[in-house]
Amino acid sequence: MTRREYRHATDPVIVQAAEFAVDELKKLSDTGIYSTLSLKAIRSGATKKADYHDNIYMTIELASPYFKSGKESEVYEIVVMEALDGDRRKSFAIDNFPEMDEDALEMFWIEMVERKRRNRRDIFEKWTAEAKQNMPQTVPTHYKDEL
């Protein structure tokens, strides 16, 4: 079994893995509140070959104005796994997901609902306009008084 190989926090393998993990983490919130997360620092990094993945272990510091703790930043343990097969797909694991402030979550939730409502309204308006354009412009063959 191979041991972890500790690397400097500025090592390109560590930096790329940390950026990948943060980018993926930003996508995991329905409301979009995780989009406020940013990588403040990489505290440590290590790599290890495993049977099916290259594993990159990191301690990173994330920043957001909306952490439930009220702190500007928090520290997380993350592992990025890169498959050893041909396509080298990546995935990540995190020790604990960031907990966000409830008032901020509600604000982001309301904005998400409003954004979806606007998008839905735009789609319906587009469909209505298309239907009107495609409607045949024919003269009725019978008038109501003739029937």
C-alpha atoms as a PDB file:
ATOM      1  CA  MET A   1       0.000   0.000   0.000  1.00  0.00           C
ATOM      2  CA  THR A   2       1.383   3.395  -0.955  1.00  0.00           C
ATOM      3  CA  ARG A   3       1.675   6.210   1.515  1.00  0.00           C
ATOM      4  CA  ARG A   4       0.505   9.759   1.104  1.00  0.00           C
ATOM      5  CA  GLU A   5       3.055  11.991  -0.539  1.00  0.00           C
ATOM      6  CA  TYR A   6       2.861  15.434   1.027  1.00  0.00           C
ATOM      7  CA  ARG A   7       3.147  18.319  -1.415  1.00  0.00           C
ATOM      8  CA  HIS A   8       3.478  22.061  -1.111  1.00  0.00           C
ATOM      9  CA  ALA A   9       0.190  23.971  -1.203  1.00  0.00           C
ATOM     10  CA  THR A  10       1.325  25.743  -4.382  1.00  0.00           C
ATOM     11  CA  ASP A  11       2.029  22.491  -6.255  1.00  0.00           C
ATOM     12  CA  PRO A  12       0.014  22.668  -9.520  1.00  0.00           C
ATOM     13  CA  VAL A  13      -1.602  19.259  -8.846  1.00  0.00           C
ATOM     14  CA  ILE A  14      -2.868  20.477  -5.474  1.00  0.00           C
ATOM     15  CA  VAL A  15      -3.983  23.876  -6.786  1.00  0.00           C
ATOM     16  CA  GLN A  16      -5.877  22.362  -9.739  1.00  0.00           C
ATOM     17  CA  ALA A  17      -7.584  19.827  -7.479  1.00  0.00           C
ATOM     18  CA  ALA A  18      -8.631  22.519  -5.008  1.00  0.00           C
ATOM     19  CA  GLU A  19     -10.008  24.709  -7.801  1.00  0.00           C
ATOM     20  CA  PHE A  20     -11.906  21.725  -9.237  1.00  0.00           C
ATOM     21  CA  ALA A  21     -13.446  20.908  -5.849  1.00  0.00           C
ATOM     22  CA  VAL A  22     -14.541  24.496  -5.196  1.00  0.00           C
ATOM     23  CA  ASP A  23     -15.999  24.862  -8.704  1.00  0.00           C
ATOM     24  CA  GLU A  24     -17.989  21.644  -8.229  1.00  0.00           C
ATOM     25  CA  LEU A  25     -19.088  22.622  -4.724  1.00  0.00           C
ATOM     26  CA  LYS A  26     -20.443  25.937  -6.047  1.00  0.00           C
ATOM     27  CA  LYS A  27     -22.836  23.962  -8.301  1.00  0.00           C
ATOM     28  CA  LEU A  28     -24.355  21.892  -5.485  1.00  0.00           C
ATOM     29  CA  SER A  29     -26.769  24.423  -4.052  1.00  0.00           C
ATOM     30  CA  ASP A  30     -30.268  24.720  -5.541  1.00  0.00           C
ATOM     31  CA  THR A  31     -30.565  28.272  -4.298  1.00  0.00           C
ATOM     32  CA  GLY A  32     -27.160  29.327  -5.569  1.00  0.00           C
ATOM     33  CA  ILE A  33     -25.809  30.317  -2.162  1.00  0.00           C
ATOM     34  CA  TYR A  34     -22.754  28.087  -2.642  1.00  0.00           C
ATOM     35  CA  SER A  35     -21.825  30.269  -5.617  1.00  0.00           C
ATOM     36  CA  THR A  36     -20.585  32.742  -2.999  1.00  0.00           C
ATOM     37  CA  LEU A  37     -17.873  30.308  -1.877  1.00  0.00           C
ATOM     38  CA  SER A  38     -14.309  31.091  -2.848  1.00  0.00           C
ATOM     39  CA  LEU A  39     -10.979  29.440  -2.207  1.00  0.00           C
ATOM     40  CA  LYS A  40      -9.194  31.583   0.345  1.00  0.00           C
ATOM     41  CA  ALA A  41      -6.214  29.299   0.992  1.00  0.00           C
ATOM     42  CA  ILE A  42      -4.843  25.813   0.587  1.00  0.00           C
ATOM     43  CA  ARG A  43      -3.420  24.835   3.945  1.00  0.00           C
ATOM     44  CA  SER A  44      -2.027  21.431   3.000  1.00  0.00           C
ATOM     45  CA  GLY A  45      -2.034  18.853   0.254  1.00  0.00           C
ATOM     46  CA  ALA A  46      -0.988  15.286  -0.377  1.00  0.00           C
ATOM     47  CA  THR A  47      -1.378  12.700  -3.110  1.00  0.00           C
ATOM     48  CA  LYS A  48      -1.759   8.945  -2.983  1.00  0.00           C
ATOM     49  CA  LYS A  49      -2.131   6.280  -5.643  1.00  0.00           C
ATOM     50  CA  ALA A  50      -5.004   3.912  -4.974  1.00  0.00           C
ATOM     51  CA  ASP A  51      -6.382   0.924  -6.864  1.00  0.00           C
ATOM     52  CA  TYR A  52      -8.907   2.863  -8.948  1.00  0.00           C
ATOM     53  CA  HIS A  53      -8.096   6.537  -8.389  1.00  0.00           C
ATOM     54  CA  ASP A  54      -5.340   9.033  -7.871  1.00  0.00           C
ATOM     55  CA  ASN A  55      -6.383  10.689  -4.623  1.00  0.00           C
ATOM     56  CA  ILE A  56      -5.526  14.267  -3.708  1.00  0.00           C
ATOM     57  CA  TYR A  57      -6.040  15.126  -0.037  1.00  0.00           C
ATOM     58  CA  MET A  58      -6.345  18.766   0.946  1.00  0.00           C
ATOM     59  CA  THR A  59      -7.138  21.019   3.816  1.00  0.00           C
ATOM     60  CA  ILE A  60      -8.598  24.177   2.321  1.00  0.00           C
ATOM     61  CA  GLU A  61     -10.015  27.400   3.642  1.00  0.00           C
ATOM     62  CA  LEU A  62     -13.201  28.645   2.015  1.00  0.00           C
ATOM     63  CA  ALA A  63     -14.568  32.170   2.246  1.00  0.00           C
ATOM     64  CA  SER A  64     -18.177  33.374   2.037  1.00  0.00           C
ATOM     65  CA  PRO A  65     -20.081  36.253   3.591  1.00  0.00           C
ATOM     66  CA  TYR A  66     -22.931  33.848   4.415  1.00  0.00           C
ATOM     67  CA  PHE A  67     -21.500  31.161   6.711  1.00  0.00           C
ATOM     68  CA  LYS A  68     -23.862  30.231   9.531  1.00  0.00           C
ATOM     69  CA  SER A  69     -20.968  30.650  11.972  1.00  0.00           C
ATOM     70  CA  GLY A  70     -20.675  34.311  10.999  1.00  0.00           C
ATOM     71  CA  LYS A  71     -16.980  33.776  10.278  1.00  0.00           C
ATOM     72  CA  GLU A  72     -15.412  35.157   7.109  1.00  0.00           C
ATOM     73  CA  SER A  73     -13.832  31.775   6.319  1.00  0.00           C
ATOM     74  CA  GLU A  74     -13.925  28.140   7.420  1.00  0.00           C
ATOM     75  CA  VAL A  75     -11.619  25.150   7.018  1.00  0.00           C
ATOM     76  CA  TYR A  76     -12.614  21.913   5.242  1.00  0.00           C
ATOM     77  CA  GLU A  77     -11.021  18.572   4.460  1.00  0.00           C
ATOM     78  CA  ILE A  78     -11.494  17.569   0.808  1.00  0.00           C
ATOM     79  CA  VAL A  79     -10.421  14.607  -1.290  1.00  0.00           C
ATOM     80  CA  VAL A  80     -10.406  14.813  -5.078  1.00  0.00           C
ATOM     81  CA  MET A  81     -10.423  11.440  -6.800  1.00  0.00           C
ATOM     82  CA  GLU A  82      -9.284  11.101 -10.395  1.00  0.00           C
ATOM     83  CA  ALA A  83     -10.200   7.810 -12.046  1.00  0.00           C
ATOM     84  CA  LEU A  84      -7.317   5.804 -13.464  1.00  0.00           C
ATOM     85  CA  ASP A  85      -9.320   4.663 -16.501  1.00  0.00           C
ATOM     86  CA  GLY A  86      -9.075   6.346 -19.889  1.00  0.00           C
ATOM     87  CA  ASP A  87     -11.284   9.384 -19.293  1.00  0.00           C
ATOM     88  CA  ARG A  88      -9.750  10.370 -15.923  1.00  0.00           C
ATOM     89  CA  ARG A  89     -13.087  11.627 -14.545  1.00  0.00           C
ATOM     90  CA  LYS A  90     -12.887  13.512 -11.315  1.00  0.00           C
ATOM     91  CA  SER A  91     -15.101  13.539  -8.267  1.00  0.00           C
ATOM     92  CA  PHE A  92     -14.679  14.915  -4.789  1.00  0.00           C
ATOM     93  CA  ALA A  93     -15.621  14.255  -1.187  1.00  0.00           C
ATOM     94  CA  ILE A  94     -15.850  16.796   1.613  1.00  0.00           C
ATOM     95  CA  ASP A  95     -15.842  16.165   5.354  1.00  0.00           C
ATOM     96  CA  ASN A  96     -18.793  18.491   6.058  1.00  0.00           C
ATOM     97  CA  PHE A  97     -20.722  20.667   3.676  1.00  0.00           C
ATOM     98  CA  PRO A  98     -20.664  24.386   4.468  1.00  0.00           C
ATOM     99  CA  GLU A  99     -23.575  25.478   6.630  1.00  0.00           C
ATOM    100  CA  MET A 100     -25.007  28.772   5.523  1.00  0.00           C
ATOM    101  CA  ASP A 101     -26.916  31.498   7.366  1.00  0.00           C
ATOM    102  CA  GLU A 102     -30.676  30.848   7.359  1.00  0.00           C
ATOM    103  CA  ASP A 103     -31.618  34.446   6.481  1.00  0.00           C
ATOM    104  CA  ALA A 104     -29.196  34.381   3.562  1.00  0.00           C
ATOM    105  CA  LEU A 105     -30.583  31.009   2.455  1.00  0.00           C
ATOM    106  CA  GLU A 106     -34.087  32.465   2.443  1.00  0.00           C
ATOM    107  CA  MET A 107     -32.896  35.482   0.443  1.00  0.00           C
ATOM    108  CA  PHE A 108     -31.225  33.210  -2.125  1.00  0.00           C
ATOM    109  CA  TRP A 109     -34.311  30.934  -2.185  1.00  0.00           C
ATOM    110  CA  ILE A 110     -36.620  33.878  -2.928  1.00  0.00           C
ATOM    111  CA  GLU A 111     -34.299  35.100  -5.697  1.00  0.00           C
ATOM    112  CA  MET A 112     -34.179  31.584  -7.202  1.00  0.00           C
ATOM    113  CA  VAL A 113     -37.988  31.363  -7.211  1.00  0.00           C
ATOM    114  CA  GLU A 114     -38.293  34.817  -8.779  1.00  0.00           C
ATOM    115  CA  ARG A 115     -35.687  33.951 -11.433  1.00  0.00           C
ATOM    116  CA  LYS A 116     -37.526  30.737 -12.318  1.00  0.00           C
ATOM    117  CA  ARG A 117     -40.819  32.618 -12.404  1.00  0.00           C
ATOM    118  CA  ARG A 118     -39.347  35.210 -14.818  1.00  0.00           C
ATOM    119  CA  ASN A 119     -37.900  32.457 -17.013  1.00  0.00           C
ATOM    120  CA  ARG A 120     -41.228  30.619 -17.095  1.00  0.00           C
ATOM    121  CA  ARG A 121     -43.094  33.844 -17.936  1.00  0.00           C
ATOM    122  CA  ASP A 122     -40.620  34.559 -20.776  1.00  0.00           C
ATOM    123  CA  ILE A 123     -41.105  31.060 -22.194  1.00  0.00           C
ATOM    124  CA  PHE A 124     -44.908  31.368 -22.119  1.00  0.00           C
ATOM    125  CA  GLU A 125     -44.742  34.784 -23.795  1.00  0.00           C
ATOM    126  CA  LYS A 126     -42.491  33.346 -26.495  1.00  0.00           C
ATOM    127  CA  TRP A 127     -44.855  30.415 -27.062  1.00  0.00           C
ATOM    128  CA  THR A 128     -47.843  32.766 -27.249  1.00  0.00           C
ATOM    129  CA  ALA A 129     -46.097  34.975 -29.806  1.00  0.00           C
ATOM    130  CA  GLU A 130     -45.102  31.926 -31.883  1.00  0.00           C
ATOM    131  CA  ALA A 131     -48.660  30.570 -31.746  1.00  0.00           C
ATOM    132  CA  LYS A 132     -50.063  33.901 -32.950  1.00  0.00           C
ATOM    133  CA  GLN A 133     -47.577  33.980 -35.841  1.00  0.00           C
ATOM    134  CA  ASN A 134     -48.489  30.441 -36.865  1.00  0.00           C
ATOM    135  CA  MET A 135     -52.232  30.936 -36.573  1.00  0.00           C
ATOM    136  CA  PRO A 136     -53.932  30.766 -39.991  1.00  0.00           C
ATOM    137  CA  GLN A 137     -55.334  34.084 -41.159  1.00  0.00           C
ATOM    138  CA  THR A 138     -58.542  32.797 -42.750  1.00  0.00           C
ATOM    139  CA  VAL A 139     -61.912  34.433 -43.181  1.00  0.00           C
ATOM    140  CA  PRO A 140     -64.720  32.440 -41.597  1.00  0.00           C
ATOM    141  CA  THR A 141     -66.856  30.557 -44.133  1.00  0.00           C
ATOM    142  CA  HIS A 142     -70.018  31.072 -42.087  1.00  0.00           C
ATOM    143  CA  TYR A 143     -71.139  33.847 -39.852  1.00  0.00           C
ATOM    144  CA  LYS A 144     -73.090  33.132 -36.684  1.00  0.00           C
ATOM    145  CA  ASP A 145     -76.285  34.640 -38.130  1.00  0.00           C
ATOM    146  CA  GLU A 146     -76.147  32.211 -41.075  1.00  0.00           C
ATOM    147  CA  LEU A 147     -76.112  29.085 -38.908  1.00  0.00           C
END
